[in-house]
Amino acid sequence: MSLKVRRETYGKDAVHEEIATSLHAVGSVHYRLLDYETARLYHETALNMRKRLFGDSIHSDIATSLYAMGLVCNSEGDTTGARMYHEQSLAMKRDLHGGLDAVVGLSLKHACT
């Protein structure tokens, strides 16, 4: 379902997991189009919505949003921001998955670059 349809379904200002998923997807498209400013806007909005939904709990969707923000920051040349987001994502993924599985390893790779 598109972001527009989800906002119409749940309400323009609704905080909903499916809206956050659509925001993240739109951000990823803009990232692939090298439109980092717009990607940042969508990924930040998705991250903030996911934090409102899940609070301080350890959740894979929050980890995914943190990872995406790290990628955007890195592409914009903000290595400090990239490292911060990737380290947060890595910590959350370690808590979720434990050890060094493939998901954690990818976050570790980006946190170190």
PDB file of N, CA and C in Angstrom:
ATOM      1  N   MET A   1       0.838  -1.169   0.000  1.00  0.00           N
ATOM      2  CA  MET A   1       0.000   0.000   0.000  1.00  0.00           C
ATOM      3  C   MET A   1       0.890   1.241   0.000  1.00  0.00           C
ATOM      4  N   SER A   2       0.486   2.264  -0.708  1.00  0.00           N
ATOM      5  CA  SER A   2       1.300   3.474  -0.799  1.00  0.00           C
ATOM      6  C   SER A   2       1.174   4.320   0.465  1.00  0.00           C
ATOM      7  N   LEU A   3       2.119   5.223   0.623  1.00  0.00           N
ATOM      8  CA  LEU A   3       2.101   6.132   1.761  1.00  0.00           C
ATOM      9  C   LEU A   3       0.814   6.947   1.756  1.00  0.00           C
ATOM     10  N   LYS A   4       0.426   7.421   0.602  1.00  0.00           N
ATOM     11  CA  LYS A   4      -0.792   8.235   0.485  1.00  0.00           C
ATOM     12  C   LYS A   4      -2.020   7.444   0.954  1.00  0.00           C
ATOM     13  N   VAL A   5      -2.151   6.223   0.489  1.00  0.00           N
ATOM     14  CA  VAL A   5      -3.293   5.390   0.866  1.00  0.00           C
ATOM     15  C   VAL A   5      -3.269   5.088   2.364  1.00  0.00           C
ATOM     16  N   ARG A   6      -2.099   4.803   2.894  1.00  0.00           N
ATOM     17  CA  ARG A   6      -2.004   4.513   4.333  1.00  0.00           C
ATOM     18  C   ARG A   6      -2.371   5.732   5.166  1.00  0.00           C
ATOM     19  N   ARG A   7      -1.966   6.913   4.732  1.00  0.00           N
ATOM     20  CA  ARG A   7      -2.342   8.129   5.474  1.00  0.00           C
ATOM     21  C   ARG A   7      -3.844   8.381   5.369  1.00  0.00           C
ATOM     22  N   GLU A   8      -4.420   8.094   4.215  1.00  0.00           N
ATOM     23  CA  GLU A   8      -5.870   8.233   4.073  1.00  0.00           C
ATOM     24  C   GLU A   8      -6.602   7.208   4.938  1.00  0.00           C
ATOM     25  N   THR A   9      -6.059   6.010   5.031  1.00  0.00           N
ATOM     26  CA  THR A   9      -6.683   4.936   5.807  1.00  0.00           C
ATOM     27  C   THR A   9      -6.606   5.200   7.303  1.00  0.00           C
ATOM     28  N   TYR A  10      -5.422   5.564   7.794  1.00  0.00           N
ATOM     29  CA  TYR A  10      -5.201   5.703   9.234  1.00  0.00           C
ATOM     30  C   TYR A  10      -5.332   7.128   9.741  1.00  0.00           C
ATOM     31  N   GLY A  11      -5.360   8.091   8.845  1.00  0.00           N
ATOM     32  CA  GLY A  11      -5.436   9.498   9.240  1.00  0.00           C
ATOM     33  C   GLY A  11      -4.138  10.204   8.948  1.00  0.00           C
ATOM     34  N   LYS A  12      -4.266  11.440   8.502  1.00  0.00           N
ATOM     35  CA  LYS A  12      -3.106  12.217   8.070  1.00  0.00           C
ATOM     36  C   LYS A  12      -2.011  12.310   9.141  1.00  0.00           C
ATOM     37  N   ASP A  13      -2.409  12.487  10.376  1.00  0.00           N
ATOM     38  CA  ASP A  13      -1.432  12.664  11.460  1.00  0.00           C
ATOM     39  C   ASP A  13      -1.285  11.424  12.334  1.00  0.00           C
ATOM     40  N   ALA A  14      -1.791  10.293  11.858  1.00  0.00           N
ATOM     41  CA  ALA A  14      -1.737   9.061  12.649  1.00  0.00           C
ATOM     42  C   ALA A  14      -0.303   8.565  12.803  1.00  0.00           C
ATOM     43  N   VAL A  15      -0.061   7.937  13.920  1.00  0.00           N
ATOM     44  CA  VAL A  15       1.205   7.258  14.177  1.00  0.00           C
ATOM     45  C   VAL A  15       0.895   5.767  14.082  1.00  0.00           C
ATOM     46  N   HIS A  16       1.369   5.150  13.010  1.00  0.00           N
ATOM     47  CA  HIS A  16       1.036   3.750  12.756  1.00  0.00           C
ATOM     48  C   HIS A  16       2.244   3.049  12.149  1.00  0.00           C
ATOM     49  N   GLU A  17       2.418   1.784  12.504  1.00  0.00           N
ATOM     50  CA  GLU A  17       3.561   1.005  12.031  1.00  0.00           C
ATOM     51  C   GLU A  17       3.616   0.934  10.499  1.00  0.00           C
ATOM     52  N   GLU A  18       2.468   0.790   9.852  1.00  0.00           N
ATOM     53  CA  GLU A  18       2.449   0.697   8.391  1.00  0.00           C
ATOM     54  C   GLU A  18       2.810   2.030   7.727  1.00  0.00           C
ATOM     55  N   ILE A  19       2.444   3.138   8.347  1.00  0.00           N
ATOM     56  CA  ILE A  19       2.850   4.450   7.818  1.00  0.00           C
ATOM     57  C   ILE A  19       4.360   4.597   7.937  1.00  0.00           C
ATOM     58  N   ALA A  20       4.910   4.197   9.077  1.00  0.00           N
ATOM     59  CA  ALA A  20       6.362   4.262   9.262  1.00  0.00           C
ATOM     60  C   ALA A  20       7.082   3.404   8.228  1.00  0.00           C
ATOM     61  N   THR A  21       6.534   2.244   7.926  1.00  0.00           N
ATOM     62  CA  THR A  21       7.128   1.364   6.910  1.00  0.00           C
ATOM     63  C   THR A  21       7.124   2.045   5.541  1.00  0.00           C
ATOM     64  N   SER A  22       6.024   2.692   5.203  1.00  0.00           N
ATOM     65  CA  SER A  22       5.951   3.405   3.918  1.00  0.00           C
ATOM     66  C   SER A  22       6.906   4.591   3.878  1.00  0.00           C
ATOM     67  N   LEU A  23       7.002   5.324   4.973  1.00  0.00           N
ATOM     68  CA  LEU A  23       7.953   6.443   5.033  1.00  0.00           C
ATOM     69  C   LEU A  23       9.376   5.949   4.796  1.00  0.00           C
ATOM     70  N   HIS A  24       9.712   4.837   5.436  1.00  0.00           N
ATOM     71  CA  HIS A  24      11.038   4.249   5.268  1.00  0.00           C
ATOM     72  C   HIS A  24      11.269   3.845   3.805  1.00  0.00           C
ATOM     73  N   ALA A  25      10.258   3.237   3.190  1.00  0.00           N
ATOM     74  CA  ALA A  25      10.385   2.800   1.787  1.00  0.00           C
ATOM     75  C   ALA A  25      10.590   3.987   0.854  1.00  0.00           C
ATOM     76  N   VAL A  26       9.862   5.054   1.069  1.00  0.00           N
ATOM     77  CA  VAL A  26      10.021   6.250   0.230  1.00  0.00           C
ATOM     78  C   VAL A  26      11.414   6.847   0.445  1.00  0.00           C
ATOM     79  N   GLY A  27      11.875   6.866   1.683  1.00  0.00           N
ATOM     80  CA  GLY A  27      13.226   7.342   1.961  1.00  0.00           C
ATOM     81  C   GLY A  27      14.282   6.521   1.249  1.00  0.00           C
ATOM     82  N   SER A  28      14.069   5.214   1.208  1.00  0.00           N
ATOM     83  CA  SER A  28      15.026   4.327   0.528  1.00  0.00           C
ATOM     84  C   SER A  28      15.062   4.582  -0.976  1.00  0.00           C
ATOM     85  N   VAL A  29      13.918   4.881  -1.549  1.00  0.00           N
ATOM     86  CA  VAL A  29      13.876   5.208  -2.986  1.00  0.00           C
ATOM     87  C   VAL A  29      14.666   6.486  -3.253  1.00  0.00           C
ATOM     88  N   HIS A  30      14.446   7.498  -2.428  1.00  0.00           N
ATOM     89  CA  HIS A  30      15.183   8.748  -2.621  1.00  0.00           C
ATOM     90  C   HIS A  30      16.680   8.556  -2.403  1.00  0.00           C
ATOM     91  N   TYR A  31      17.040   7.687  -1.470  1.00  0.00           N
ATOM     92  CA  TYR A  31      18.453   7.381  -1.248  1.00  0.00           C
ATOM     93  C   TYR A  31      19.064   6.778  -2.511  1.00  0.00           C
ATOM     94  N   ARG A  32      18.355   5.821  -3.115  1.00  0.00           N
ATOM     95  CA  ARG A  32      18.862   5.186  -4.337  1.00  0.00           C
ATOM     96  C   ARG A  32      18.935   6.170  -5.499  1.00  0.00           C
ATOM     97  N   LEU A  33      18.093   7.192  -5.462  1.00  0.00           N
ATOM     98  CA  LEU A  33      18.113   8.240  -6.499  1.00  0.00           C
ATOM     99  C   LEU A  33      19.158   9.322  -6.195  1.00  0.00           C
ATOM    100  N   LEU A  34      19.925   9.120  -5.124  1.00  0.00           N
ATOM    101  CA  LEU A  34      20.969  10.045  -4.668  1.00  0.00           C
ATOM    102  C   LEU A  34      20.407  11.383  -4.187  1.00  0.00           C
ATOM    103  N   ASP A  35      19.131  11.397  -3.827  1.00  0.00           N
ATOM    104  CA  ASP A  35      18.472  12.580  -3.275  1.00  0.00           C
ATOM    105  C   ASP A  35      18.516  12.452  -1.752  1.00  0.00           C
ATOM    106  N   TYR A  36      19.692  12.712  -1.202  1.00  0.00           N
ATOM    107  CA  TYR A  36      19.933  12.448   0.205  1.00  0.00           C
ATOM    108  C   TYR A  36      19.145  13.362   1.135  1.00  0.00           C
ATOM    109  N   GLU A  37      18.918  14.592   0.726  1.00  0.00           N
ATOM    110  CA  GLU A  37      18.161  15.516   1.570  1.00  0.00           C
ATOM    111  C   GLU A  37      16.727  14.996   1.783  1.00  0.00           C
ATOM    112  N   THR A  38      16.087  14.561   0.716  1.00  0.00           N
ATOM    113  CA  THR A  38      14.726  14.037   0.825  1.00  0.00           C
ATOM    114  C   THR A  38      14.740  12.685   1.538  1.00  0.00           C
ATOM    115  N   ALA A  39      15.748  11.871   1.253  1.00  0.00           N
ATOM    116  CA  ALA A  39      15.877  10.576   1.936  1.00  0.00           C
ATOM    117  C   ALA A  39      15.981  10.795   3.440  1.00  0.00           C
ATOM    118  N   ARG A  40      16.780  11.765   3.844  1.00  0.00           N
ATOM    119  CA  ARG A  40      16.948  12.068   5.271  1.00  0.00           C
ATOM    120  C   ARG A  40      15.603  12.439   5.896  1.00  0.00           C
ATOM    121  N   LEU A  41      14.845  13.281   5.217  1.00  0.00           N
ATOM    122  CA  LEU A  41      13.547  13.717   5.735  1.00  0.00           C
ATOM    123  C   LEU A  41      12.627  12.520   5.986  1.00  0.00           C
ATOM    124  N   TYR A  42      12.509  11.635   5.002  1.00  0.00           N
ATOM    125  CA  TYR A  42      11.631  10.475   5.163  1.00  0.00           C
ATOM    126  C   TYR A  42      12.151   9.496   6.206  1.00  0.00           C
ATOM    127  N   HIS A  43      13.455   9.245   6.209  1.00  0.00           N
ATOM    128  CA  HIS A  43      14.010   8.310   7.189  1.00  0.00           C
ATOM    129  C   HIS A  43      13.924   8.871   8.607  1.00  0.00           C
ATOM    130  N   GLU A  44      14.144  10.172   8.783  1.00  0.00           N
ATOM    131  CA  GLU A  44      13.997  10.779  10.109  1.00  0.00           C
ATOM    132  C   GLU A  44      12.559  10.673  10.595  1.00  0.00           C
ATOM    133  N   THR A  45      11.624  10.938   9.685  1.00  0.00           N
ATOM    134  CA  THR A  45      10.213  10.860  10.050  1.00  0.00           C
ATOM    135  C   THR A  45       9.837   9.434  10.431  1.00  0.00           C
ATOM    136  N   ALA A  46      10.316   8.456   9.659  1.00  0.00           N
ATOM    137  CA  ALA A  46      10.053   7.049   9.979  1.00  0.00           C
ATOM    138  C   ALA A  46      10.668   6.679  11.327  1.00  0.00           C
ATOM    139  N   LEU A  47      11.902   7.097  11.562  1.00  0.00           N
ATOM    140  CA  LEU A  47      12.572   6.795  12.829  1.00  0.00           C
ATOM    141  C   LEU A  47      11.813   7.401  14.000  1.00  0.00           C
ATOM    142  N   ASN A  48      11.423   8.654  13.877  1.00  0.00           N
ATOM    143  CA  ASN A  48      10.695   9.309  14.968  1.00  0.00           C
ATOM    144  C   ASN A  48       9.353   8.623  15.228  1.00  0.00           C
ATOM    145  N   MET A  49       8.666   8.230  14.159  1.00  0.00           N
ATOM    146  CA  MET A  49       7.392   7.545  14.327  1.00  0.00           C
ATOM    147  C   MET A  49       7.605   6.189  15.000  1.00  0.00           C
ATOM    148  N   ARG A  50       8.637   5.477  14.595  1.00  0.00           N
ATOM    149  CA  ARG A  50       8.915   4.173  15.202  1.00  0.00           C
ATOM    150  C   ARG A  50       9.289   4.319  16.673  1.00  0.00           C
ATOM    151  N   LYS A  51      10.004   5.363  17.015  1.00  0.00           N
ATOM    152  CA  LYS A  51      10.331   5.600  18.426  1.00  0.00           C
ATOM    153  C   LYS A  51       9.071   5.921  19.224  1.00  0.00           C
ATOM    154  N   ARG A  52       8.133   6.639  18.611  1.00  0.00           N
ATOM    155  CA  ARG A  52       6.865   6.916  19.281  1.00  0.00           C
ATOM    156  C   ARG A  52       6.054   5.631  19.457  1.00  0.00           C
ATOM    157  N   LEU A  53       6.113   4.761  18.467  1.00  0.00           N
ATOM    158  CA  LEU A  53       5.365   3.508  18.527  1.00  0.00           C
ATOM    159  C   LEU A  53       5.938   2.528  19.546  1.00  0.00           C
ATOM    160  N   PHE A  54       7.261   2.394  19.552  1.00  0.00           N
ATOM    161  CA  PHE A  54       7.902   1.339  20.341  1.00  0.00           C
ATOM    162  C   PHE A  54       8.646   1.865  21.569  1.00  0.00           C
ATOM    163  N   GLY A  55       8.709   3.174  21.722  1.00  0.00           N
ATOM    164  CA  GLY A  55       9.363   3.762  22.887  1.00  0.00           C
ATOM    165  C   GLY A  55      10.838   3.404  22.949  1.00  0.00           C
ATOM    166  N   ASP A  56      11.289   3.113  24.145  1.00  0.00           N
ATOM    167  CA  ASP A  56      12.707   2.790  24.359  1.00  0.00           C
ATOM    168  C   ASP A  56      12.994   1.306  24.180  1.00  0.00           C
ATOM    169  N   SER A  57      11.996   0.553  23.728  1.00  0.00           N
ATOM    170  CA  SER A  57      12.222  -0.878  23.576  1.00  0.00           C
ATOM    171  C   SER A  57      13.170  -1.159  22.416  1.00  0.00           C
ATOM    172  N   ILE A  58      13.778  -2.308  22.476  1.00  0.00           N
ATOM    173  CA  ILE A  58      14.671  -2.751  21.410  1.00  0.00           C
ATOM    174  C   ILE A  58      13.789  -3.378  20.336  1.00  0.00           C
ATOM    175  N   HIS A  59      13.802  -2.793  19.164  1.00  0.00           N
ATOM    176  CA  HIS A  59      12.899  -3.252  18.096  1.00  0.00           C
ATOM    177  C   HIS A  59      13.634  -3.232  16.758  1.00  0.00           C
ATOM    178  N   SER A  60      13.413  -4.243  15.959  1.00  0.00           N
ATOM    179  CA  SER A  60      14.121  -4.355  14.677  1.00  0.00           C
ATOM    180  C   SER A  60      13.800  -3.201  13.731  1.00  0.00           C
ATOM    181  N   ASP A  61      12.574  -2.661  13.780  1.00  0.00           N
ATOM    182  CA  ASP A  61      12.239  -1.534  12.904  1.00  0.00           C
ATOM    183  C   ASP A  61      13.019  -0.279  13.282  1.00  0.00           C
ATOM    184  N   ILE A  62      13.229  -0.070  14.558  1.00  0.00           N
ATOM    185  CA  ILE A  62      14.041   1.077  14.993  1.00  0.00           C
ATOM    186  C   ILE A  62      15.484   0.866  14.546  1.00  0.00           C
ATOM    187  N   ALA A  63      15.997  -0.332  14.712  1.00  0.00           N
ATOM    188  CA  ALA A  63      17.367  -0.636  14.270  1.00  0.00           C
ATOM    189  C   ALA A  63      17.516  -0.395  12.773  1.00  0.00           C
ATOM    190  N   THR A  64      16.516  -0.773  11.998  1.00  0.00           N
ATOM    191  CA  THR A  64      16.547  -0.569  10.549  1.00  0.00           C
ATOM    192  C   THR A  64      16.557   0.916  10.211  1.00  0.00           C
ATOM    193  N   SER A  65      15.756   1.697  10.912  1.00  0.00           N
ATOM    194  CA  SER A  65      15.728   3.138  10.664  1.00  0.00           C
ATOM    195  C   SER A  65      17.050   3.802  11.060  1.00  0.00           C
ATOM    196  N   LEU A  66      17.627   3.369  12.165  1.00  0.00           N
ATOM    197  CA  LEU A  66      18.927   3.910  12.575  1.00  0.00           C
ATOM    198  C   LEU A  66      19.989   3.601  11.516  1.00  0.00           C
ATOM    199  N   TYR A  67      19.956   2.392  11.003  1.00  0.00           N
ATOM    200  CA  TYR A  67      20.892   1.981   9.956  1.00  0.00           C
ATOM    201  C   TYR A  67      20.722   2.848   8.711  1.00  0.00           C
ATOM    202  N   ALA A  68      19.477   3.075   8.299  1.00  0.00           N
ATOM    203  CA  ALA A  68      19.208   3.901   7.121  1.00  0.00           C
ATOM    204  C   ALA A  68      19.703   5.333   7.326  1.00  0.00           C
ATOM    205  N   MET A  69      19.507   5.862   8.511  1.00  0.00           N
ATOM    206  CA  MET A  69      19.994   7.209   8.801  1.00  0.00           C
ATOM    207  C   MET A  69      21.521   7.250   8.735  1.00  0.00           C
ATOM    208  N   GLY A  70      22.165   6.190   9.185  1.00  0.00           N
ATOM    209  CA  GLY A  70      23.626   6.127   9.079  1.00  0.00           C
ATOM    210  C   GLY A  70      24.093   6.143   7.639  1.00  0.00           C
ATOM    211  N   LEU A  71      23.393   5.417   6.778  1.00  0.00           N
ATOM    212  CA  LEU A  71      23.746   5.410   5.353  1.00  0.00           C
ATOM    213  C   LEU A  71      23.597   6.803   4.739  1.00  0.00           C
ATOM    214  N   VAL A  72      22.487   7.463   5.061  1.00  0.00           N
ATOM    215  CA  VAL A  72      22.249   8.806   4.517  1.00  0.00           C
ATOM    216  C   VAL A  72      23.331   9.768   5.003  1.00  0.00           C
ATOM    217  N   CYS A  73      23.604   9.749   6.298  1.00  0.00           N
ATOM    218  CA  CYS A  73      24.637  10.643   6.845  1.00  0.00           C
ATOM    219  C   CYS A  73      25.974  10.400   6.171  1.00  0.00           C
ATOM    220  N   ASN A  74      26.336   9.142   6.004  1.00  0.00           N
ATOM    221  CA  ASN A  74      27.604   8.809   5.367  1.00  0.00           C
ATOM    222  C   ASN A  74      27.647   9.352   3.934  1.00  0.00           C
ATOM    223  N   SER A  75      26.562   9.187   3.206  1.00  0.00           N
ATOM    224  CA  SER A  75      26.509   9.661   1.819  1.00  0.00           C
ATOM    225  C   SER A  75      26.576  11.176   1.736  1.00  0.00           C
ATOM    226  N   GLU A  76      26.110  11.848   2.773  1.00  0.00           N
ATOM    227  CA  GLU A  76      26.171  13.312   2.817  1.00  0.00           C
ATOM    228  C   GLU A  76      27.527  13.809   3.328  1.00  0.00           C
ATOM    229  N   GLY A  77      28.391  12.901   3.718  1.00  0.00           N
ATOM    230  CA  GLY A  77      29.705  13.290   4.230  1.00  0.00           C
ATOM    231  C   GLY A  77      29.730  13.559   5.725  1.00  0.00           C
ATOM    232  N   ASP A  78      28.638  13.271   6.405  1.00  0.00           N
ATOM    233  CA  ASP A  78      28.540  13.468   7.850  1.00  0.00           C
ATOM    234  C   ASP A  78      28.988  12.185   8.546  1.00  0.00           C
ATOM    235  N   THR A  79      30.296  12.009   8.643  1.00  0.00           N
ATOM    236  CA  THR A  79      30.816  10.763   9.202  1.00  0.00           C
ATOM    237  C   THR A  79      30.532  10.633  10.699  1.00  0.00           C
ATOM    238  N   THR A  80      30.466  11.754  11.400  1.00  0.00           N
ATOM    239  CA  THR A  80      30.145  11.707  12.827  1.00  0.00           C
ATOM    240  C   THR A  80      28.727  11.203  13.031  1.00  0.00           C
ATOM    241  N   GLY A  81      27.776  11.767  12.276  1.00  0.00           N
ATOM    242  CA  GLY A  81      26.391  11.324  12.365  1.00  0.00           C
ATOM    243  C   GLY A  81      26.243   9.879  11.919  1.00  0.00           C
ATOM    244  N   ALA A  82      26.940   9.522  10.834  1.00  0.00           N
ATOM    245  CA  ALA A  82      26.869   8.149  10.323  1.00  0.00           C
ATOM    246  C   ALA A  82      27.337   7.166  11.381  1.00  0.00           C
ATOM    247  N   ARG A  83      28.444   7.475  12.012  1.00  0.00           N
ATOM    248  CA  ARG A  83      28.973   6.568  13.034  1.00  0.00           C
ATOM    249  C   ARG A  83      28.006   6.431  14.208  1.00  0.00           C
ATOM    250  N   MET A  84      27.422   7.554  14.631  1.00  0.00           N
ATOM    251  CA  MET A  84      26.481   7.533  15.747  1.00  0.00           C
ATOM    252  C   MET A  84      25.288   6.624  15.431  1.00  0.00           C
ATOM    253  N   TYR A  85      24.680   6.819  14.262  1.00  0.00           N
ATOM    254  CA  TYR A  85      23.510   6.010  13.895  1.00  0.00           C
ATOM    255  C   TYR A  85      23.887   4.540  13.719  1.00  0.00           C
ATOM    256  N   HIS A  86      25.012   4.280  13.066  1.00  0.00           N
ATOM    257  CA  HIS A  86      25.413   2.887  12.857  1.00  0.00           C
ATOM    258  C   HIS A  86      25.754   2.194  14.177  1.00  0.00           C
ATOM    259  N   GLU A  87      26.371   2.916  15.102  1.00  0.00           N
ATOM    260  CA  GLU A  87      26.677   2.304  16.404  1.00  0.00           C
ATOM    261  C   GLU A  87      25.402   2.002  17.181  1.00  0.00           C
ATOM    262  N   GLN A  88      24.413   2.907  17.106  1.00  0.00           N
ATOM    263  CA  GLN A  88      23.133   2.653  17.776  1.00  0.00           C
ATOM    264  C   GLN A  88      22.427   1.450  17.146  1.00  0.00           C
ATOM    265  N   SER A  89      22.445   1.404  15.820  1.00  0.00           N
ATOM    266  CA  SER A  89      21.838   0.284  15.111  1.00  0.00           C
ATOM    267  C   SER A  89      22.539  -1.025  15.472  1.00  0.00           C
ATOM    268  N   LEU A  90      23.852  -0.992  15.474  1.00  0.00           N
ATOM    269  CA  LEU A  90      24.639  -2.177  15.805  1.00  0.00           C
ATOM    270  C   LEU A  90      24.317  -2.680  17.207  1.00  0.00           C
ATOM    271  N   ALA A  91      24.263  -1.774  18.171  1.00  0.00           N
ATOM    272  CA  ALA A  91      23.965  -2.174  19.551  1.00  0.00           C
ATOM    273  C   ALA A  91      22.583  -2.823  19.639  1.00  0.00           C
ATOM    274  N   MET A  92      21.626  -2.236  18.953  1.00  0.00           N
ATOM    275  CA  MET A  92      20.271  -2.779  18.990  1.00  0.00           C
ATOM    276  C   MET A  92      20.216  -4.142  18.296  1.00  0.00           C
ATOM    277  N   LYS A  93      20.910  -4.264  17.165  1.00  0.00           N
ATOM    278  CA  LYS A  93      20.912  -5.547  16.451  1.00  0.00           C
ATOM    279  C   LYS A  93      21.621  -6.626  17.257  1.00  0.00           C
ATOM    280  N   ARG A  94      22.654  -6.254  17.981  1.00  0.00           N
ATOM    281  CA  ARG A  94      23.333  -7.233  18.843  1.00  0.00           C
ATOM    282  C   ARG A  94      22.378  -7.711  19.932  1.00  0.00           C
ATOM    283  N   ASP A  95      21.607  -6.771  20.502  1.00  0.00           N
ATOM    284  CA  ASP A  95      20.641  -7.151  21.530  1.00  0.00           C
ATOM    285  C   ASP A  95      19.548  -8.048  20.957  1.00  0.00           C
ATOM    286  N   LEU A  96      19.143  -7.757  19.725  1.00  0.00           N
ATOM    287  CA  LEU A  96      18.083  -8.533  19.081  1.00  0.00           C
ATOM    288  C   LEU A  96      18.549  -9.912  18.632  1.00  0.00           C
ATOM    289  N   HIS A  97      19.740  -9.962  18.038  1.00  0.00           N
ATOM    290  CA  HIS A  97      20.202 -11.185  17.389  1.00  0.00           C
ATOM    291  C   HIS A  97      21.328 -11.888  18.135  1.00  0.00           C
ATOM    292  N   GLY A  98      22.019 -11.156  19.002  1.00  0.00           N
ATOM    293  CA  GLY A  98      23.155 -11.719  19.714  1.00  0.00           C
ATOM    294  C   GLY A  98      24.313 -12.011  18.776  1.00  0.00           C
ATOM    295  N   GLY A  99      25.499 -12.016  19.316  1.00  0.00           N
ATOM    296  CA  GLY A  99      26.683 -12.396  18.554  1.00  0.00           C
ATOM    297  C   GLY A  99      26.892 -11.652  17.259  1.00  0.00           C
ATOM    298  N   LEU A 100      27.560 -12.305  16.347  1.00  0.00           N
ATOM    299  CA  LEU A 100      27.896 -11.702  15.065  1.00  0.00           C
ATOM    300  C   LEU A 100      27.259 -12.482  13.922  1.00  0.00           C
ATOM    301  N   ASP A 101      25.951 -12.376  13.795  1.00  0.00           N
ATOM    302  CA  ASP A 101      25.327 -12.981  12.619  1.00  0.00           C
ATOM    303  C   ASP A 101      25.448 -12.014  11.440  1.00  0.00           C
ATOM    304  N   ALA A 102      24.877 -12.346  10.320  1.00  0.00           N
ATOM    305  CA  ALA A 102      25.020 -11.532   9.106  1.00  0.00           C
ATOM    306  C   ALA A 102      24.454 -10.132   9.280  1.00  0.00           C
ATOM    307  N   VAL A 103      23.337 -10.005   9.971  1.00  0.00           N
ATOM    308  CA  VAL A 103      22.711  -8.695  10.167  1.00  0.00           C
ATOM    309  C   VAL A 103      23.603  -7.801  11.019  1.00  0.00           C
ATOM    310  N   VAL A 104      24.125  -8.345  12.092  1.00  0.00           N
ATOM    311  CA  VAL A 104      25.002  -7.589  12.974  1.00  0.00           C
ATOM    312  C   VAL A 104      26.309  -7.263  12.260  1.00  0.00           C
ATOM    313  N   GLY A 105      26.818  -8.198  11.493  1.00  0.00           N
ATOM    314  CA  GLY A 105      28.067  -7.985  10.761  1.00  0.00           C
ATOM    315  C   GLY A 105      27.980  -6.843   9.775  1.00  0.00           C
ATOM    316  N   LEU A 106      26.859  -6.698   9.091  1.00  0.00           N
ATOM    317  CA  LEU A 106      26.688  -5.595   8.154  1.00  0.00           C
ATOM    318  C   LEU A 106      26.684  -4.260   8.871  1.00  0.00           C
ATOM    319  N   SER A 107      26.024  -4.179  10.014  1.00  0.00           N
ATOM    320  CA  SER A 107      26.024  -2.943  10.793  1.00  0.00           C
ATOM    321  C   SER A 107      27.408  -2.639  11.316  1.00  0.00           C
ATOM    322  N   LEU A 108      28.136  -3.658  11.735  1.00  0.00           N
ATOM    323  CA  LEU A 108      29.492  -3.475  12.219  1.00  0.00           C
ATOM    324  C   LEU A 108      30.384  -2.939  11.112  1.00  0.00           C
ATOM    325  N   LYS A 109      30.213  -3.454   9.917  1.00  0.00           N
ATOM    326  CA  LYS A 109      30.998  -2.985   8.760  1.00  0.00           C
ATOM    327  C   LYS A 109      30.799  -1.498   8.555  1.00  0.00           C
ATOM    328  N   HIS A 110      29.548  -1.041   8.572  1.00  0.00           N
ATOM    329  CA  HIS A 110      29.269   0.365   8.318  1.00  0.00           C
ATOM    330  C   HIS A 110      29.662   1.253   9.495  1.00  0.00           C
ATOM    331  N   ALA A 111      29.618   0.740  10.710  1.00  0.00           N
ATOM    332  CA  ALA A 111      30.024   1.527  11.866  1.00  0.00           C
ATOM    333  C   ALA A 111      31.512   1.798  11.860  1.00  0.00           C
ATOM    334  N   CYS A 112      32.249   0.938  11.196  1.00  0.00           N
ATOM    335  CA  CYS A 112      33.712   1.066  11.184  1.00  0.00           C
ATOM    336  C   CYS A 112      34.241   1.829   9.977  1.00  0.00           C
ATOM    337  N   THR A 113      33.401   2.189   9.032  1.00  0.00           N
ATOM    338  CA  THR A 113      33.885   2.877   7.826  1.00  0.00           C
ATOM    339  C   THR A 113      33.725   4.364   7.948  1.00  0.00           C
TER     340      THR A 113
END
